[in-house]
PDB file of N, CA and C in Angstrom:
ATOM      1  N   MET A   1     -14.248  15.116 -15.611  1.00  0.00           N
ATOM      2  CA  MET A   1     -14.273  14.026 -14.858  1.00  0.00           C
ATOM      3  C   MET A   1     -14.225  14.611 -13.267  1.00  0.00           C
ATOM      4  N   ARG A   2     -14.609  14.298 -12.618  1.00  0.00           N
ATOM      5  CA  ARG A   2     -14.228  14.868 -11.180  1.00  0.00           C
ATOM      6  C   ARG A   2     -13.405  14.115 -10.547  1.00  0.00           C
ATOM      7  N   GLN A   3     -12.806  14.845  -9.637  1.00  0.00           N
ATOM      8  CA  GLN A   3     -11.451  14.241  -8.578  1.00  0.00           C
ATOM      9  C   GLN A   3     -11.805  14.642  -7.314  1.00  0.00           C
ATOM     10  N   PHE A   4     -12.039  13.721  -6.259  1.00  0.00           N
ATOM     11  CA  PHE A   4     -11.929  14.168  -4.501  1.00  0.00           C
ATOM     12  C   PHE A   4     -11.000  13.394  -4.006  1.00  0.00           C
ATOM     13  N   ASP A   5     -10.346  13.970  -3.332  1.00  0.00           N
ATOM     14  CA  ASP A   5      -9.770  13.676  -2.153  1.00  0.00           C
ATOM     15  C   ASP A   5     -10.379  12.850  -0.927  1.00  0.00           C
ATOM     16  N   LEU A   6     -10.001  11.780  -0.501  1.00  0.00           N
ATOM     17  CA  LEU A   6     -10.579  10.935   0.039  1.00  0.00           C
ATOM     18  C   LEU A   6      -9.548  10.351   1.175  1.00  0.00           C
ATOM     19  N   SER A   7      -8.074  10.967   0.908  1.00  0.00           N
ATOM     20  CA  SER A   7      -7.266  10.571   1.798  1.00  0.00           C
ATOM     21  C   SER A   7      -7.416  10.496   3.430  1.00  0.00           C
ATOM     22  N   PRO A   8      -8.213  11.886   3.873  1.00  0.00           N
ATOM     23  CA  PRO A   8      -8.611  11.768   5.245  1.00  0.00           C
ATOM     24  C   PRO A   8      -9.922  10.881   6.105  1.00  0.00           C
ATOM     25  N   LEU A   9     -10.613  10.156   4.531  1.00  0.00           N
ATOM     26  CA  LEU A   9     -11.259   9.210   5.003  1.00  0.00           C
ATOM     27  C   LEU A   9     -10.374   8.034   5.334  1.00  0.00           C
ATOM     28  N   TYR A  10      -9.537   7.609   4.421  1.00  0.00           N
ATOM     29  CA  TYR A  10      -8.722   6.350   4.399  1.00  0.00           C
ATOM     30  C   TYR A  10      -7.495   6.418   5.979  1.00  0.00           C
ATOM     31  N   ARG A  11      -7.589   7.789   6.801  1.00  0.00           N
ATOM     32  CA  ARG A  11      -6.629   7.566   7.841  1.00  0.00           C
ATOM     33  C   ARG A  11      -7.353   6.866   8.306  1.00  0.00           C
ATOM     34  N   GLN A  12      -8.758   6.521   8.876  1.00  0.00           N
ATOM     35  CA  GLN A  12      -9.440   5.997  10.092  1.00  0.00           C
ATOM     36  C   GLN A  12      -9.721   4.377   9.754  1.00  0.00           C
ATOM     37  N   THR A  13      -8.709   4.034   8.918  1.00  0.00           N
ATOM     38  CA  THR A  13      -9.326   2.812   8.159  1.00  0.00           C
ATOM     39  C   THR A  13      -8.198   1.876   8.107  1.00  0.00           C
ATOM     40  N   VAL A  14      -6.978   2.487   8.544  1.00  0.00           N
ATOM     41  CA  VAL A  14      -5.543   1.873   8.282  1.00  0.00           C
ATOM     42  C   VAL A  14      -5.357   1.044   9.522  1.00  0.00           C
ATOM     43  N   GLY A  15      -5.181  -0.191   9.585  1.00  0.00           N
ATOM     44  CA  GLY A  15      -4.896  -1.409  10.360  1.00  0.00           C
ATOM     45  C   GLY A  15      -6.071  -2.263   9.958  1.00  0.00           C
ATOM     46  N   PHE A  16      -7.275  -1.957   9.594  1.00  0.00           N
ATOM     47  CA  PHE A  16      -8.583  -2.541   9.325  1.00  0.00           C
ATOM     48  C   PHE A  16      -8.968  -3.192   8.112  1.00  0.00           C
ATOM     49  N   ASP A  17      -7.517  -3.494   7.371  1.00  0.00           N
ATOM     50  CA  ASP A  17      -7.996  -3.940   6.138  1.00  0.00           C
ATOM     51  C   ASP A  17      -7.741  -5.254   5.980  1.00  0.00           C
ATOM     52  N   ARG A  18      -6.936  -6.104   7.210  1.00  0.00           N
ATOM     53  CA  ARG A  18      -6.900  -7.590   7.650  1.00  0.00           C
ATOM     54  C   ARG A  18      -8.155  -7.930   8.592  1.00  0.00           C
ATOM     55  N   LEU A  19      -8.990  -7.092   8.942  1.00  0.00           N
ATOM     56  CA  LEU A  19     -10.160  -7.617   9.809  1.00  0.00           C
ATOM     57  C   LEU A  19     -11.155  -7.169   8.331  1.00  0.00           C
ATOM     58  N   PHE A  20     -11.290  -6.633   7.342  1.00  0.00           N
ATOM     59  CA  PHE A  20     -11.675  -6.486   6.614  1.00  0.00           C
ATOM     60  C   PHE A  20     -12.153  -7.760   5.521  1.00  0.00           C
ATOM     61  N   ASN A  21     -10.634  -8.345   5.237  1.00  0.00           N
ATOM     62  CA  ASN A  21     -10.871  -8.968   4.202  1.00  0.00           C
ATOM     63  C   ASN A  21     -10.602 -10.452   5.185  1.00  0.00           C
ATOM     64  N   LEU A  22     -10.689 -10.669   6.294  1.00  0.00           N
ATOM     65  CA  LEU A  22     -11.255 -11.974   7.082  1.00  0.00           C
ATOM     66  C   LEU A  22     -12.671 -11.566   6.965  1.00  0.00           C
ATOM     67  N   LEU A  23     -13.589 -10.902   6.982  1.00  0.00           N
ATOM     68  CA  LEU A  23     -14.812 -10.684   6.856  1.00  0.00           C
ATOM     69  C   LEU A  23     -15.430 -11.191   5.499  1.00  0.00           C
ATOM     70  N   ASP A  24     -14.870 -11.101   4.795  1.00  0.00           N
ATOM     71  CA  ASP A  24     -14.851 -10.929   3.020  1.00  0.00           C
ATOM     72  C   ASP A  24     -14.595 -12.283   2.635  1.00  0.00           C
ATOM     73  N   GLN A  25     -13.369 -13.228   3.664  1.00  0.00           N
ATOM     74  CA  GLN A  25     -13.510 -15.025   3.227  1.00  0.00           C
ATOM     75  C   GLN A  25     -14.247 -15.337   4.205  1.00  0.00           C
ATOM     76  N   ALA A  26     -14.890 -14.818   5.274  1.00  0.00           N
ATOM     77  CA  ALA A  26     -16.090 -15.561   5.934  1.00  0.00           C
ATOM     78  C   ALA A  26     -17.365 -15.655   5.407  1.00  0.00           C
ATOM     79  N   SER A  27     -17.276 -14.893   4.579  1.00  0.00           N
ATOM     80  CA  SER A  27     -18.723 -14.565   4.116  1.00  0.00           C
ATOM     81  C   SER A  27     -18.797 -14.908   2.528  1.00  0.00           C
ATOM     82  N   GLY A  28     -17.697 -15.371   2.507  1.00  0.00           N
ATOM     83  CA  GLY A  28     -17.722 -15.944   0.864  1.00  0.00           C
ATOM     84  C   GLY A  28     -16.984 -15.449  -0.039  1.00  0.00           C
ATOM     85  N   PHE A  29     -16.646 -13.836  -0.246  1.00  0.00           N
ATOM     86  CA  PHE A  29     -15.888 -13.237  -1.143  1.00  0.00           C
ATOM     87  C   PHE A  29     -14.756 -13.602  -1.283  1.00  0.00           C
ATOM     88  N   GLU A  30     -14.397 -13.517  -2.814  1.00  0.00           N
ATOM     89  CA  GLU A  30     -12.698 -13.891  -2.531  1.00  0.00           C
ATOM     90  C   GLU A  30     -12.336 -12.654  -3.236  1.00  0.00           C
ATOM     91  N   THR A  31     -11.189 -12.673  -2.052  1.00  0.00           N
ATOM     92  CA  THR A  31     -10.179 -11.433  -2.440  1.00  0.00           C
ATOM     93  C   THR A  31      -9.022 -11.775  -2.979  1.00  0.00           C
ATOM     94  N   SER A  32      -8.753 -10.556  -3.647  1.00  0.00           N
ATOM     95  CA  SER A  32      -7.636 -10.796  -4.821  1.00  0.00           C
ATOM     96  C   SER A  32      -6.239  -9.795  -4.409  1.00  0.00           C
ATOM     97  N   GLN A  33      -5.208 -11.028  -4.808  1.00  0.00           N
ATOM     98  CA  GLN A  33      -3.609 -10.894  -4.109  1.00  0.00           C
ATOM     99  C   GLN A  33      -3.302  -9.637  -4.359  1.00  0.00           C
ATOM    100  N   SER A  34      -2.221  -8.995  -3.909  1.00  0.00           N
ATOM    101  CA  SER A  34      -1.789  -7.767  -4.550  1.00  0.00           C
ATOM    102  C   SER A  34      -0.274  -8.068  -3.989  1.00  0.00           C
ATOM    103  N   TYR A  35       0.455  -7.828  -5.247  1.00  0.00           N
ATOM    104  CA  TYR A  35       1.893  -7.548  -5.239  1.00  0.00           C
ATOM    105  C   TYR A  35       2.355  -6.260  -5.745  1.00  0.00           C
ATOM    106  N   PRO A  36       3.287  -6.270  -4.838  1.00  0.00           N
ATOM    107  CA  PRO A  36       4.147  -6.895  -3.881  1.00  0.00           C
ATOM    108  C   PRO A  36       3.106  -6.849  -2.525  1.00  0.00           C
ATOM    109  N   PRO A  37       3.232  -7.682  -1.673  1.00  0.00           N
ATOM    110  CA  PRO A  37       2.932  -7.688  -0.158  1.00  0.00           C
ATOM    111  C   PRO A  37       3.317  -6.534   0.373  1.00  0.00           C
ATOM    112  N   TYR A  38       2.356  -5.439   1.193  1.00  0.00           N
ATOM    113  CA  TYR A  38       2.854  -4.685   1.757  1.00  0.00           C
ATOM    114  C   TYR A  38       2.195  -4.487   3.227  1.00  0.00           C
ATOM    115  N   ASN A  39       2.463  -3.811   4.331  1.00  0.00           N
ATOM    116  CA  ASN A  39       2.084  -3.720   5.232  1.00  0.00           C
ATOM    117  C   ASN A  39       1.690  -2.383   5.749  1.00  0.00           C
ATOM    118  N   ILE A  40       0.984  -1.429   6.249  1.00  0.00           N
ATOM    119  CA  ILE A  40       0.908  -0.383   6.647  1.00  0.00           C
ATOM    120  C   ILE A  40       0.748  -0.096   7.989  1.00  0.00           C
ATOM    121  N   GLU A  41       1.423   0.820   8.861  1.00  0.00           N
ATOM    122  CA  GLU A  41       1.858   0.836  10.325  1.00  0.00           C
ATOM    123  C   GLU A  41       1.747   2.108  10.580  1.00  0.00           C
ATOM    124  N   ARG A  42       0.533   2.502  11.585  1.00  0.00           N
ATOM    125  CA  ARG A  42       0.385   3.761  12.068  1.00  0.00           C
ATOM    126  C   ARG A  42       1.588   4.369  12.999  1.00  0.00           C
ATOM    127  N   THR A  43       2.698   5.152  13.031  1.00  0.00           N
ATOM    128  CA  THR A  43       3.641   5.579  13.969  1.00  0.00           C
ATOM    129  C   THR A  43       3.333   6.994  14.483  1.00  0.00           C
ATOM    130  N   GLY A  44       2.369   7.700  14.392  1.00  0.00           N
ATOM    131  CA  GLY A  44       2.088   8.679  14.984  1.00  0.00           C
ATOM    132  C   GLY A  44       0.705   9.536  14.236  1.00  0.00           C
ATOM    133  N   GLU A  45       0.233  10.559  14.644  1.00  0.00           N
ATOM    134  CA  GLU A  45      -1.066  11.166  14.298  1.00  0.00           C
ATOM    135  C   GLU A  45      -1.175  10.947  13.009  1.00  0.00           C
ATOM    136  N   ASN A  46      -0.040  11.472  12.637  1.00  0.00           N
ATOM    137  CA  ASN A  46      -0.214  12.103  10.720  1.00  0.00           C
ATOM    138  C   ASN A  46       1.219  10.943  10.250  1.00  0.00           C
ATOM    139  N   ALA A  47       1.596   9.932  10.843  1.00  0.00           N
ATOM    140  CA  ALA A  47       3.026   9.312  10.120  1.00  0.00           C
ATOM    141  C   ALA A  47       2.790   7.858   9.824  1.00  0.00           C
ATOM    142  N   TYR A  48       3.304   7.290   8.644  1.00  0.00           N
ATOM    143  CA  TYR A  48       3.106   5.847   8.532  1.00  0.00           C
ATOM    144  C   TYR A  48       3.930   5.502   8.240  1.00  0.00           C
ATOM    145  N   ARG A  49       4.116   4.156   8.391  1.00  0.00           N
ATOM    146  CA  ARG A  49       4.997   3.372   8.113  1.00  0.00           C
ATOM    147  C   ARG A  49       4.709   2.460   7.261  1.00  0.00           C
ATOM    148  N   VAL A  50       5.217   2.599   5.494  1.00  0.00           N
ATOM    149  CA  VAL A  50       4.930   1.136   4.506  1.00  0.00           C
ATOM    150  C   VAL A  50       5.713   0.421   4.006  1.00  0.00           C
ATOM    151  N   THR A  51       5.505  -0.772   4.540  1.00  0.00           N
ATOM    152  CA  THR A  51       6.872  -1.736   4.074  1.00  0.00           C
ATOM    153  C   THR A  51       6.257  -2.434   2.933  1.00  0.00           C
ATOM    154  N   LEU A  52       6.954  -2.919   2.169  1.00  0.00           N
ATOM    155  CA  LEU A  52       6.921  -3.862   0.750  1.00  0.00           C
ATOM    156  C   LEU A  52       8.079  -4.758   0.930  1.00  0.00           C
ATOM    157  N   ALA A  53       7.709  -5.957   0.456  1.00  0.00           N
ATOM    158  CA  ALA A  53       8.250  -7.000   0.202  1.00  0.00           C
ATOM    159  C   ALA A  53       8.486  -7.136  -1.494  1.00  0.00           C
ATOM    160  N   VAL A  54       9.685  -6.408  -1.835  1.00  0.00           N
ATOM    161  CA  VAL A  54      10.150  -6.630  -3.041  1.00  0.00           C
ATOM    162  C   VAL A  54      11.463  -7.626  -3.274  1.00  0.00           C
ATOM    163  N   ALA A  55      11.264  -8.608  -3.272  1.00  0.00           N
ATOM    164  CA  ALA A  55      11.868  -9.752  -3.749  1.00  0.00           C
ATOM    165  C   ALA A  55      13.247  -9.402  -5.237  1.00  0.00           C
ATOM    166  N   GLY A  56      14.048  -9.048  -4.885  1.00  0.00           N
ATOM    167  CA  GLY A  56      14.816  -8.926  -6.603  1.00  0.00           C
ATOM    168  C   GLY A  56      15.445  -8.082  -6.373  1.00  0.00           C
ATOM    169  N   PHE A  57      15.261  -6.682  -5.899  1.00  0.00           N
ATOM    170  CA  PHE A  57      15.411  -5.619  -6.064  1.00  0.00           C
ATOM    171  C   PHE A  57      16.364  -4.701  -4.816  1.00  0.00           C
ATOM    172  N   SER A  58      17.398  -4.122  -5.137  1.00  0.00           N
ATOM    173  CA  SER A  58      18.360  -3.411  -3.938  1.00  0.00           C
ATOM    174  C   SER A  58      17.399  -2.032  -3.651  1.00  0.00           C
ATOM    175  N   ARG A  59      17.857  -1.454  -3.052  1.00  0.00           N
ATOM    176  CA  ARG A  59      17.870   0.004  -2.425  1.00  0.00           C
ATOM    177  C   ARG A  59      17.915   0.714  -4.030  1.00  0.00           C
ATOM    178  N   GLU A  60      18.729   0.115  -4.305  1.00  0.00           N
ATOM    179  CA  GLU A  60      19.321   1.253  -5.701  1.00  0.00           C
ATOM    180  C   GLU A  60      18.596   1.240  -6.688  1.00  0.00           C
ATOM    181  N   GLU A  61      17.639   0.209  -6.829  1.00  0.00           N
ATOM    182  CA  GLU A  61      16.960  -0.172  -7.814  1.00  0.00           C
ATOM    183  C   GLU A  61      15.507   0.374  -7.512  1.00  0.00           C
ATOM    184  N   LEU A  62      14.938   0.877  -6.952  1.00  0.00           N
ATOM    185  CA  LEU A  62      13.813   1.363  -6.232  1.00  0.00           C
ATOM    186  C   LEU A  62      13.866   2.624  -5.959  1.00  0.00           C
ATOM    187  N   SER A  63      12.767   3.414  -6.682  1.00  0.00           N
ATOM    188  CA  SER A  63      12.703   4.648  -6.641  1.00  0.00           C
ATOM    189  C   SER A  63      11.131   4.711  -5.856  1.00  0.00           C
ATOM    190  N   VAL A  64      11.344   5.705  -4.757  1.00  0.00           N
ATOM    191  CA  VAL A  64       9.582   6.164  -4.160  1.00  0.00           C
ATOM    192  C   VAL A  64       9.554   7.611  -3.858  1.00  0.00           C
ATOM    193  N   GLU A  65       8.591   7.856  -4.540  1.00  0.00           N
ATOM    194  CA  GLU A  65       7.780   9.481  -4.893  1.00  0.00           C
ATOM    195  C   GLU A  65       6.722   9.529  -4.128  1.00  0.00           C
ATOM    196  N   THR A  66       6.338  10.589  -3.916  1.00  0.00           N
ATOM    197  CA  THR A  66       5.209  11.220  -3.192  1.00  0.00           C
ATOM    198  C   THR A  66       4.296  12.359  -4.384  1.00  0.00           C
ATOM    199  N   LYS A  67       3.333  12.067  -4.741  1.00  0.00           N
ATOM    200  CA  LYS A  67       2.485  13.602  -5.590  1.00  0.00           C
ATOM    201  C   LYS A  67       1.043  13.232  -5.081  1.00  0.00           C
ATOM    202  N   GLU A  68       0.828  14.453  -4.901  1.00  0.00           N
ATOM    203  CA  GLU A  68      -0.418  14.708  -4.563  1.00  0.00           C
ATOM    204  C   GLU A  68      -0.978  13.427  -3.888  1.00  0.00           C
ATOM    205  N   ASN A  69      -0.989  13.192  -3.009  1.00  0.00           N
ATOM    206  CA  ASN A  69      -1.504  12.410  -1.558  1.00  0.00           C
ATOM    207  C   ASN A  69      -1.224  10.915  -2.037  1.00  0.00           C
ATOM    208  N   THR A  70      -0.547  10.543  -3.634  1.00  0.00           N
ATOM    209  CA  THR A  70      -0.312   9.251  -3.915  1.00  0.00           C
ATOM    210  C   THR A  70       1.238   8.569  -3.646  1.00  0.00           C
ATOM    211  N   LEU A  71       0.996   7.662  -3.084  1.00  0.00           N
ATOM    212  CA  LEU A  71       2.742   7.422  -3.174  1.00  0.00           C
ATOM    213  C   LEU A  71       3.082   6.389  -4.217  1.00  0.00           C
ATOM    214  N   SER A  72       4.130   6.557  -4.637  1.00  0.00           N
ATOM    215  CA  SER A  72       4.197   5.467  -5.596  1.00  0.00           C
ATOM    216  C   SER A  72       5.698   4.865  -5.796  1.00  0.00           C
ATOM    217  N   VAL A  73       6.058   3.564  -6.043  1.00  0.00           N
ATOM    218  CA  VAL A  73       7.120   2.764  -5.600  1.00  0.00           C
ATOM    219  C   VAL A  73       7.366   2.368  -7.012  1.00  0.00           C
ATOM    220  N   LYS A  74       8.497   2.664  -8.054  1.00  0.00           N
ATOM    221  CA  LYS A  74       8.547   1.752  -9.260  1.00  0.00           C
ATOM    222  C   LYS A  74      10.104   1.047  -9.090  1.00  0.00           C
ATOM    223  N   GLY A  75      10.208   0.209  -9.578  1.00  0.00           N
ATOM    224  CA  GLY A  75      11.565  -0.375  -9.562  1.00  0.00           C
ATOM    225  C   GLY A  75      11.967  -0.630 -11.070  1.00  0.00           C
ATOM    226  N   SER A  76      13.245  -0.980 -11.205  1.00  0.00           N
ATOM    227  CA  SER A  76      14.021  -1.090 -12.675  1.00  0.00           C
ATOM    228  C   SER A  76      15.414  -1.633 -12.347  1.00  0.00           C
ATOM    229  N   LYS A  77      15.260  -2.635 -13.273  1.00  0.00           N
ATOM    230  CA  LYS A  77      16.569  -3.872 -13.426  1.00  0.00           C
ATOM    231  C   LYS A  77      17.230  -3.113 -14.500  1.00  0.00           C
ATOM    232  N   GLU A  78      18.965  -2.928 -14.500  1.00  0.00           N
ATOM    233  CA  GLU A  78      18.999  -3.090 -15.734  1.00  0.00           C
ATOM    234  C   GLU A  78      19.379  -4.310 -16.733  1.00  0.00           C
ATOM    235  N   PRO A  79      19.377  -4.400 -17.748  1.00  0.00           N
ATOM    236  CA  PRO A  79      19.381  -5.588 -18.666  1.00  0.00           C
ATOM    237  C   PRO A  79      20.478  -5.988 -18.516  1.00  0.00           C
ATOM    238  N   ALA A  80      20.571  -7.614 -18.425  1.00  0.00           N
ATOM    239  CA  ALA A  80      22.017  -8.070 -18.437  1.00  0.00           C
ATOM    240  C   ALA A  80      22.706  -8.874 -19.423  1.00  0.00           C
TER     241      ALA A  80
END
């Protein structure tokens, strides 16, 4: 299986996801919902801020990890 690093291409499209969603809705394509809701903001040439709405989790219950150009956010709760 071949893998290609497409991350340089994605930098050019940050911020356009809402525009593409509007175009899809106007053309009749159904867009899938993503959970949790998120927002990606460009804060510099190579700097971004990712905001997630993870209701029910505290900061201590979340782990954020980057590996091979992939951002992973995991949440875990102790059984009650």
